[in-house]
Amino acid sequence: MSESLQDWFKREIVVHERALLRYIRNVWPQLGEVEDIRQEAYIRVYEAAGVARPDAPKSFLFTVVRNIMADRIRRRRVVSIEMQDDLDALNILIDENSPEHCVGVREEFLKLVAAFEALPIECRDVVWLRKVERLTQKDVSRRLGVSQRTIEKRVARGIRILAKAVFNEAPDPKVQAEVSTDRTEREHG
């Protein structure tokens, strides 16, 4: 009797979950997406195994994860159509796993973390709840006990500060003054 797909999946794929999660966390800079990548990999592997079971399941699983990460990087890139046509005409391959690329991604991530930690606490809380935990504006408003309009303003302000920090724009003196004032108020009472 043939082994069921579910039994095969548990025995050959799920047993590697700890190593898979460790690998994704070590490679992927957006830690909030680790579980999504794992789940997407499981779905792809399960569907592919429904057609034909791979000879090397663990290798297949990790290859699927690398492909998912490459797809996500490609989707995030904003390249004009003309630029893409020029690259296609040159038949240039971009090595997204090069050491230079990995260092660049890590540096951008560290900039974002530092900028996030420097946000005024009320902006930081709201940005975290809205953008990381994906709560609705209404839910954040209810949780923090402030109006939805206030939530909207804090998210906009926080994202503006983060964008300037990450994209190396000169800090807006008004925004810097707000951050300094907020930080002083927190420290002194």
C-alpha atoms as a PDB file:
ATOM      1  CA  MET A   1       0.000   0.000   0.000  1.00  0.00           C
ATOM      2  CA  SER A   2       1.267   3.461  -0.942  1.00  0.00           C
ATOM      3  CA  GLU A   3       2.088   5.972   1.802  1.00  0.00           C
ATOM      4  CA  SER A   4      -0.311   8.920   1.992  1.00  0.00           C
ATOM      5  CA  LEU A   5       0.897  12.369   0.984  1.00  0.00           C
ATOM      6  CA  GLN A   6       0.261  13.671   4.508  1.00  0.00           C
ATOM      7  CA  ASP A   7       2.319  10.916   6.115  1.00  0.00           C
ATOM      8  CA  TRP A   8       5.142  11.476   3.613  1.00  0.00           C
ATOM      9  CA  PHE A   9       5.019  15.244   4.251  1.00  0.00           C
ATOM     10  CA  LYS A  10       5.275  14.802   8.029  1.00  0.00           C
ATOM     11  CA  ARG A  11       8.084  12.264   7.759  1.00  0.00           C
ATOM     12  CA  GLU A  12      10.177  13.958   5.061  1.00  0.00           C
ATOM     13  CA  ILE A  13       9.438  17.686   5.360  1.00  0.00           C
ATOM     14  CA  VAL A  14       8.038  18.733   8.744  1.00  0.00           C
ATOM     15  CA  VAL A  15      10.921  17.021  10.558  1.00  0.00           C
ATOM     16  CA  HIS A  16      13.223  19.729   9.152  1.00  0.00           C
ATOM     17  CA  GLU A  17      11.152  22.617  10.516  1.00  0.00           C
ATOM     18  CA  ARG A  18      13.639  23.716  13.198  1.00  0.00           C
ATOM     19  CA  ALA A  19      16.549  23.788  10.728  1.00  0.00           C
ATOM     20  CA  LEU A  20      14.366  25.488   8.136  1.00  0.00           C
ATOM     21  CA  LEU A  21      13.293  28.263  10.515  1.00  0.00           C
ATOM     22  CA  ARG A  22      16.886  28.766  11.681  1.00  0.00           C
ATOM     23  CA  TYR A  23      18.034  29.053   8.049  1.00  0.00           C
ATOM     24  CA  ILE A  24      15.322  31.568   7.117  1.00  0.00           C
ATOM     25  CA  ARG A  25      16.004  33.693  10.238  1.00  0.00           C
ATOM     26  CA  ASN A  26      19.731  33.758   9.452  1.00  0.00           C
ATOM     27  CA  VAL A  27      19.244  34.727   5.815  1.00  0.00           C
ATOM     28  CA  TRP A  28      16.078  36.822   5.629  1.00  0.00           C
ATOM     29  CA  PRO A  29      16.289  40.350   7.104  1.00  0.00           C
ATOM     30  CA  GLN A  30      12.539  40.783   7.683  1.00  0.00           C
ATOM     31  CA  LEU A  31      12.013  38.552  10.715  1.00  0.00           C
ATOM     32  CA  GLY A  32       8.267  39.199  10.616  1.00  0.00           C
ATOM     33  CA  GLU A  33       8.103  37.271   7.335  1.00  0.00           C
ATOM     34  CA  VAL A  34       9.862  34.096   8.506  1.00  0.00           C
ATOM     35  CA  GLU A  35       6.640  32.211   9.248  1.00  0.00           C
ATOM     36  CA  ASP A  36       5.075  33.343   5.965  1.00  0.00           C
ATOM     37  CA  ILE A  37       8.052  32.058   3.997  1.00  0.00           C
ATOM     38  CA  ARG A  38       7.946  28.735   5.845  1.00  0.00           C
ATOM     39  CA  GLN A  39       4.223  28.360   5.198  1.00  0.00           C
ATOM     40  CA  GLU A  40       4.549  29.273   1.529  1.00  0.00           C
ATOM     41  CA  ALA A  41       7.368  26.722   1.177  1.00  0.00           C
ATOM     42  CA  TYR A  42       5.251  24.031   2.814  1.00  0.00           C
ATOM     43  CA  ILE A  43       2.390  24.754   0.424  1.00  0.00           C
ATOM     44  CA  ARG A  44       4.633  24.639  -2.651  1.00  0.00           C
ATOM     45  CA  VAL A  45       6.375  21.449  -1.533  1.00  0.00           C
ATOM     46  CA  TYR A  46       3.066  19.763  -0.650  1.00  0.00           C
ATOM     47  CA  GLU A  47       1.526  20.661  -4.026  1.00  0.00           C
ATOM     48  CA  ALA A  48       4.618  19.549  -5.937  1.00  0.00           C
ATOM     49  CA  ALA A  49       4.780  16.274  -3.985  1.00  0.00           C
ATOM     50  CA  GLY A  50       1.156  15.650  -4.898  1.00  0.00           C
ATOM     51  CA  VAL A  51       2.306  15.436  -8.522  1.00  0.00           C
ATOM     52  CA  ALA A  52       5.653  13.686  -7.982  1.00  0.00           C
ATOM     53  CA  ARG A  53       7.593  13.138  -4.783  1.00  0.00           C
ATOM     54  CA  PRO A  54      11.117  14.595  -4.900  1.00  0.00           C
ATOM     55  CA  ASP A  55      14.083  12.251  -4.583  1.00  0.00           C
ATOM     56  CA  ALA A  56      15.822  14.522  -2.044  1.00  0.00           C
ATOM     57  CA  PRO A  57      13.001  16.100   0.015  1.00  0.00           C
ATOM     58  CA  LYS A  58      15.194  18.189   2.338  1.00  0.00           C
ATOM     59  CA  SER A  59      17.191  19.674  -0.553  1.00  0.00           C
ATOM     60  CA  PHE A  60      13.975  20.315  -2.440  1.00  0.00           C
ATOM     61  CA  LEU A  61      12.478  22.114   0.588  1.00  0.00           C
ATOM     62  CA  PHE A  62      15.491  24.411   1.009  1.00  0.00           C
ATOM     63  CA  THR A  63      15.605  25.115  -2.734  1.00  0.00           C
ATOM     64  CA  VAL A  64      11.938  26.109  -2.629  1.00  0.00           C
ATOM     65  CA  VAL A  65      12.668  28.481   0.276  1.00  0.00           C
ATOM     66  CA  ARG A  66      15.560  30.103  -1.614  1.00  0.00           C
ATOM     67  CA  ASN A  67      13.285  30.557  -4.640  1.00  0.00           C
ATOM     68  CA  ILE A  68      10.573  32.147  -2.489  1.00  0.00           C
ATOM     69  CA  MET A  69      13.076  34.606  -1.031  1.00  0.00           C
ATOM     70  CA  ALA A  70      14.401  35.439  -4.514  1.00  0.00           C
ATOM     71  CA  ASP A  71      10.815  36.010  -5.721  1.00  0.00           C
ATOM     72  CA  ARG A  72      10.150  38.366  -2.810  1.00  0.00           C
ATOM     73  CA  ILE A  73      13.312  40.335  -3.525  1.00  0.00           C
ATOM     74  CA  ARG A  74      12.370  40.649  -7.198  1.00  0.00           C
ATOM     75  CA  ARG A  75       8.847  41.835  -6.353  1.00  0.00           C
ATOM     76  CA  ARG A  76      10.229  44.517  -4.047  1.00  0.00           C
ATOM     77  CA  ARG A  77      12.523  46.000  -6.594  1.00  0.00           C
ATOM     78  CA  VAL A  78      11.190  49.063  -8.295  1.00  0.00           C
ATOM     79  CA  VAL A  79      12.676  49.242 -11.747  1.00  0.00           C
ATOM     80  CA  SER A  80      11.302  51.282 -14.624  1.00  0.00           C
ATOM     81  CA  ILE A  81      10.097  49.381 -17.645  1.00  0.00           C
ATOM     82  CA  GLU A  82      12.790  50.979 -19.823  1.00  0.00           C
ATOM     83  CA  MET A  83      15.512  49.983 -17.366  1.00  0.00           C
ATOM     84  CA  GLN A  84      14.188  46.417 -17.253  1.00  0.00           C
ATOM     85  CA  ASP A  85      14.173  46.271 -21.063  1.00  0.00           C
ATOM     86  CA  ASP A  86      17.772  47.503 -21.117  1.00  0.00           C
ATOM     87  CA  LEU A  87      18.826  44.832 -18.618  1.00  0.00           C
ATOM     88  CA  ASP A  88      16.952  42.143 -20.531  1.00  0.00           C
ATOM     89  CA  ALA A  89      18.630  43.213 -23.771  1.00  0.00           C
ATOM     90  CA  LEU A  90      22.040  42.914 -22.109  1.00  0.00           C
ATOM     91  CA  ASN A  91      21.080  39.506 -20.685  1.00  0.00           C
ATOM     92  CA  ILE A  92      22.630  40.396 -17.321  1.00  0.00           C
ATOM     93  CA  LEU A  93      22.072  38.096 -14.386  1.00  0.00           C
ATOM     94  CA  ILE A  94      21.934  39.756 -10.985  1.00  0.00           C
ATOM     95  CA  ASP A  95      23.319  37.614  -8.198  1.00  0.00           C
ATOM     96  CA  GLU A  96      20.924  38.297  -5.340  1.00  0.00           C
ATOM     97  CA  ASN A  97      22.887  36.047  -3.011  1.00  0.00           C
ATOM     98  CA  SER A  98      26.214  37.809  -3.492  1.00  0.00           C
ATOM     99  CA  PRO A  99      28.057  38.839  -0.334  1.00  0.00           C
ATOM    100  CA  GLU A 100      27.775  42.482  -1.392  1.00  0.00           C
ATOM    101  CA  HIS A 101      24.004  42.218  -1.697  1.00  0.00           C
ATOM    102  CA  CYS A 102      23.677  40.472   1.666  1.00  0.00           C
ATOM    103  CA  VAL A 103      25.817  43.127   3.378  1.00  0.00           C
ATOM    104  CA  GLY A 104      23.761  45.888   1.764  1.00  0.00           C
ATOM    105  CA  VAL A 105      20.493  44.350   2.891  1.00  0.00           C
ATOM    106  CA  ARG A 106      21.833  43.900   6.417  1.00  0.00           C
ATOM    107  CA  GLU A 107      23.050  47.513   6.557  1.00  0.00           C
ATOM    108  CA  GLU A 108      19.630  48.769   5.442  1.00  0.00           C
ATOM    109  CA  PHE A 109      17.970  46.579   8.045  1.00  0.00           C
ATOM    110  CA  LEU A 110      20.245  47.894  10.814  1.00  0.00           C
ATOM    111  CA  LYS A 111      19.485  51.477   9.734  1.00  0.00           C
ATOM    112  CA  LEU A 112      15.776  50.718   9.949  1.00  0.00           C
ATOM    113  CA  VAL A 113      16.143  49.142  13.401  1.00  0.00           C
ATOM    114  CA  ALA A 114      18.100  52.134  14.704  1.00  0.00           C
ATOM    115  CA  ALA A 115      15.576  54.568  13.226  1.00  0.00           C
ATOM    116  CA  PHE A 116      12.684  52.573  14.672  1.00  0.00           C
ATOM    117  CA  GLU A 117      14.252  52.570  18.139  1.00  0.00           C
ATOM    118  CA  ALA A 118      14.778  56.356  17.892  1.00  0.00           C
ATOM    119  CA  LEU A 119      11.103  57.018  17.126  1.00  0.00           C
ATOM    120  CA  PRO A 120       9.044  58.764  19.786  1.00  0.00           C
ATOM    121  CA  ILE A 121       7.417  56.027  21.873  1.00  0.00           C
ATOM    122  CA  GLU A 122       3.856  56.842  20.814  1.00  0.00           C
ATOM    123  CA  CYS A 123       4.844  56.704  17.124  1.00  0.00           C
ATOM    124  CA  ARG A 124       6.844  53.520  17.660  1.00  0.00           C
ATOM    125  CA  ASP A 125       3.926  51.763  19.355  1.00  0.00           C
ATOM    126  CA  VAL A 126       1.472  52.768  16.659  1.00  0.00           C
ATOM    127  CA  VAL A 127       3.784  51.886  13.759  1.00  0.00           C
ATOM    128  CA  TRP A 128       4.498  48.512  15.358  1.00  0.00           C
ATOM    129  CA  LEU A 129       0.827  47.694  15.900  1.00  0.00           C
ATOM    130  CA  ARG A 130      -0.281  48.874  12.443  1.00  0.00           C
ATOM    131  CA  LYS A 131       2.608  47.709  10.254  1.00  0.00           C
ATOM    132  CA  VAL A 132       4.061  44.705  12.050  1.00  0.00           C
ATOM    133  CA  GLU A 133       1.128  43.250  13.945  1.00  0.00           C
ATOM    134  CA  ARG A 134      -1.223  44.379  11.148  1.00  0.00           C
ATOM    135  CA  LEU A 135      -3.955  45.628  13.478  1.00  0.00           C
ATOM    136  CA  THR A 136      -6.631  47.872  12.020  1.00  0.00           C
ATOM    137  CA  GLN A 137      -6.589  51.556  12.804  1.00  0.00           C
ATOM    138  CA  LYS A 138      -9.771  51.047  14.814  1.00  0.00           C
ATOM    139  CA  ASP A 139      -8.209  48.233  16.882  1.00  0.00           C
ATOM    140  CA  VAL A 140      -5.073  50.277  17.593  1.00  0.00           C
ATOM    141  CA  SER A 141      -7.245  53.240  18.585  1.00  0.00           C
ATOM    142  CA  ARG A 142      -9.218  51.064  20.980  1.00  0.00           C
ATOM    143  CA  ARG A 143      -6.098  49.408  22.438  1.00  0.00           C
ATOM    144  CA  LEU A 144      -4.237  52.671  23.061  1.00  0.00           C
ATOM    145  CA  GLY A 145      -7.259  54.752  23.985  1.00  0.00           C
ATOM    146  CA  VAL A 146      -6.675  57.512  21.448  1.00  0.00           C
ATOM    147  CA  SER A 147      -8.670  58.669  18.422  1.00  0.00           C
ATOM    148  CA  GLN A 148      -8.298  57.063  15.026  1.00  0.00           C
ATOM    149  CA  ARG A 149      -7.201  60.435  13.663  1.00  0.00           C
ATOM    150  CA  THR A 150      -4.345  60.480  16.204  1.00  0.00           C
ATOM    151  CA  ILE A 151      -3.364  56.953  15.148  1.00  0.00           C
ATOM    152  CA  GLU A 152      -3.338  58.049  11.507  1.00  0.00           C
ATOM    153  CA  LYS A 153      -1.115  61.063  12.281  1.00  0.00           C
ATOM    154  CA  ARG A 154       1.328  59.011  14.376  1.00  0.00           C
ATOM    155  CA  VAL A 155       1.667  56.335  11.704  1.00  0.00           C
ATOM    156  CA  ALA A 156       2.297  58.971   9.020  1.00  0.00           C
ATOM    157  CA  ARG A 157       4.856  60.740  11.209  1.00  0.00           C
ATOM    158  CA  GLY A 158       6.612  57.492  12.153  1.00  0.00           C
ATOM    159  CA  ILE A 159       6.788  56.248   8.566  1.00  0.00           C
ATOM    160  CA  ARG A 160       8.076  59.638   7.391  1.00  0.00           C
ATOM    161  CA  ILE A 161      10.881  59.550   9.987  1.00  0.00           C
ATOM    162  CA  LEU A 162      11.765  55.938   9.131  1.00  0.00           C
ATOM    163  CA  ALA A 163      11.820  56.619   5.397  1.00  0.00           C
ATOM    164  CA  LYS A 164      14.137  59.585   5.825  1.00  0.00           C
ATOM    165  CA  ALA A 165      16.485  57.563   8.008  1.00  0.00           C
ATOM    166  CA  VAL A 166      16.577  54.538   5.716  1.00  0.00           C
ATOM    167  CA  PHE A 167      16.892  56.480   2.460  1.00  0.00           C
ATOM    168  CA  ASN A 168      19.658  58.738   3.825  1.00  0.00           C
ATOM    169  CA  GLU A 169      17.718  61.934   3.450  1.00  0.00           C
ATOM    170  CA  ALA A 170      18.891  64.868   5.471  1.00  0.00           C
ATOM    171  CA  PRO A 171      16.813  64.910   8.624  1.00  0.00           C
ATOM    172  CA  ASP A 172      14.005  67.439   8.657  1.00  0.00           C
ATOM    173  CA  PRO A 173      14.894  69.904  11.470  1.00  0.00           C
ATOM    174  CA  LYS A 174      11.226  70.081  12.484  1.00  0.00           C
ATOM    175  CA  VAL A 175      11.026  66.275  12.770  1.00  0.00           C
ATOM    176  CA  GLN A 176      14.352  66.110  14.629  1.00  0.00           C
ATOM    177  CA  ALA A 177      13.103  68.760  17.056  1.00  0.00           C
ATOM    178  CA  GLU A 178       9.918  66.733  17.625  1.00  0.00           C
ATOM    179  CA  VAL A 179      11.923  63.566  18.280  1.00  0.00           C
ATOM    180  CA  SER A 180      14.293  65.394  20.660  1.00  0.00           C
ATOM    181  CA  THR A 181      11.386  67.008  22.521  1.00  0.00           C
ATOM    182  CA  ASP A 182       9.562  63.662  22.828  1.00  0.00           C
ATOM    183  CA  ARG A 183      12.709  61.916  24.047  1.00  0.00           C
ATOM    184  CA  THR A 184      13.424  64.677  26.622  1.00  0.00           C
ATOM    185  CA  GLU A 185       9.848  64.493  27.914  1.00  0.00           C
ATOM    186  CA  ARG A 186      10.131  60.701  28.301  1.00  0.00           C
ATOM    187  CA  GLU A 187      13.446  60.931  30.139  1.00  0.00           C
ATOM    188  CA  HIS A 188      12.373  63.694  32.527  1.00  0.00           C
ATOM    189  CA  GLY A 189       8.957  62.628  33.376  1.00  0.00           C
END
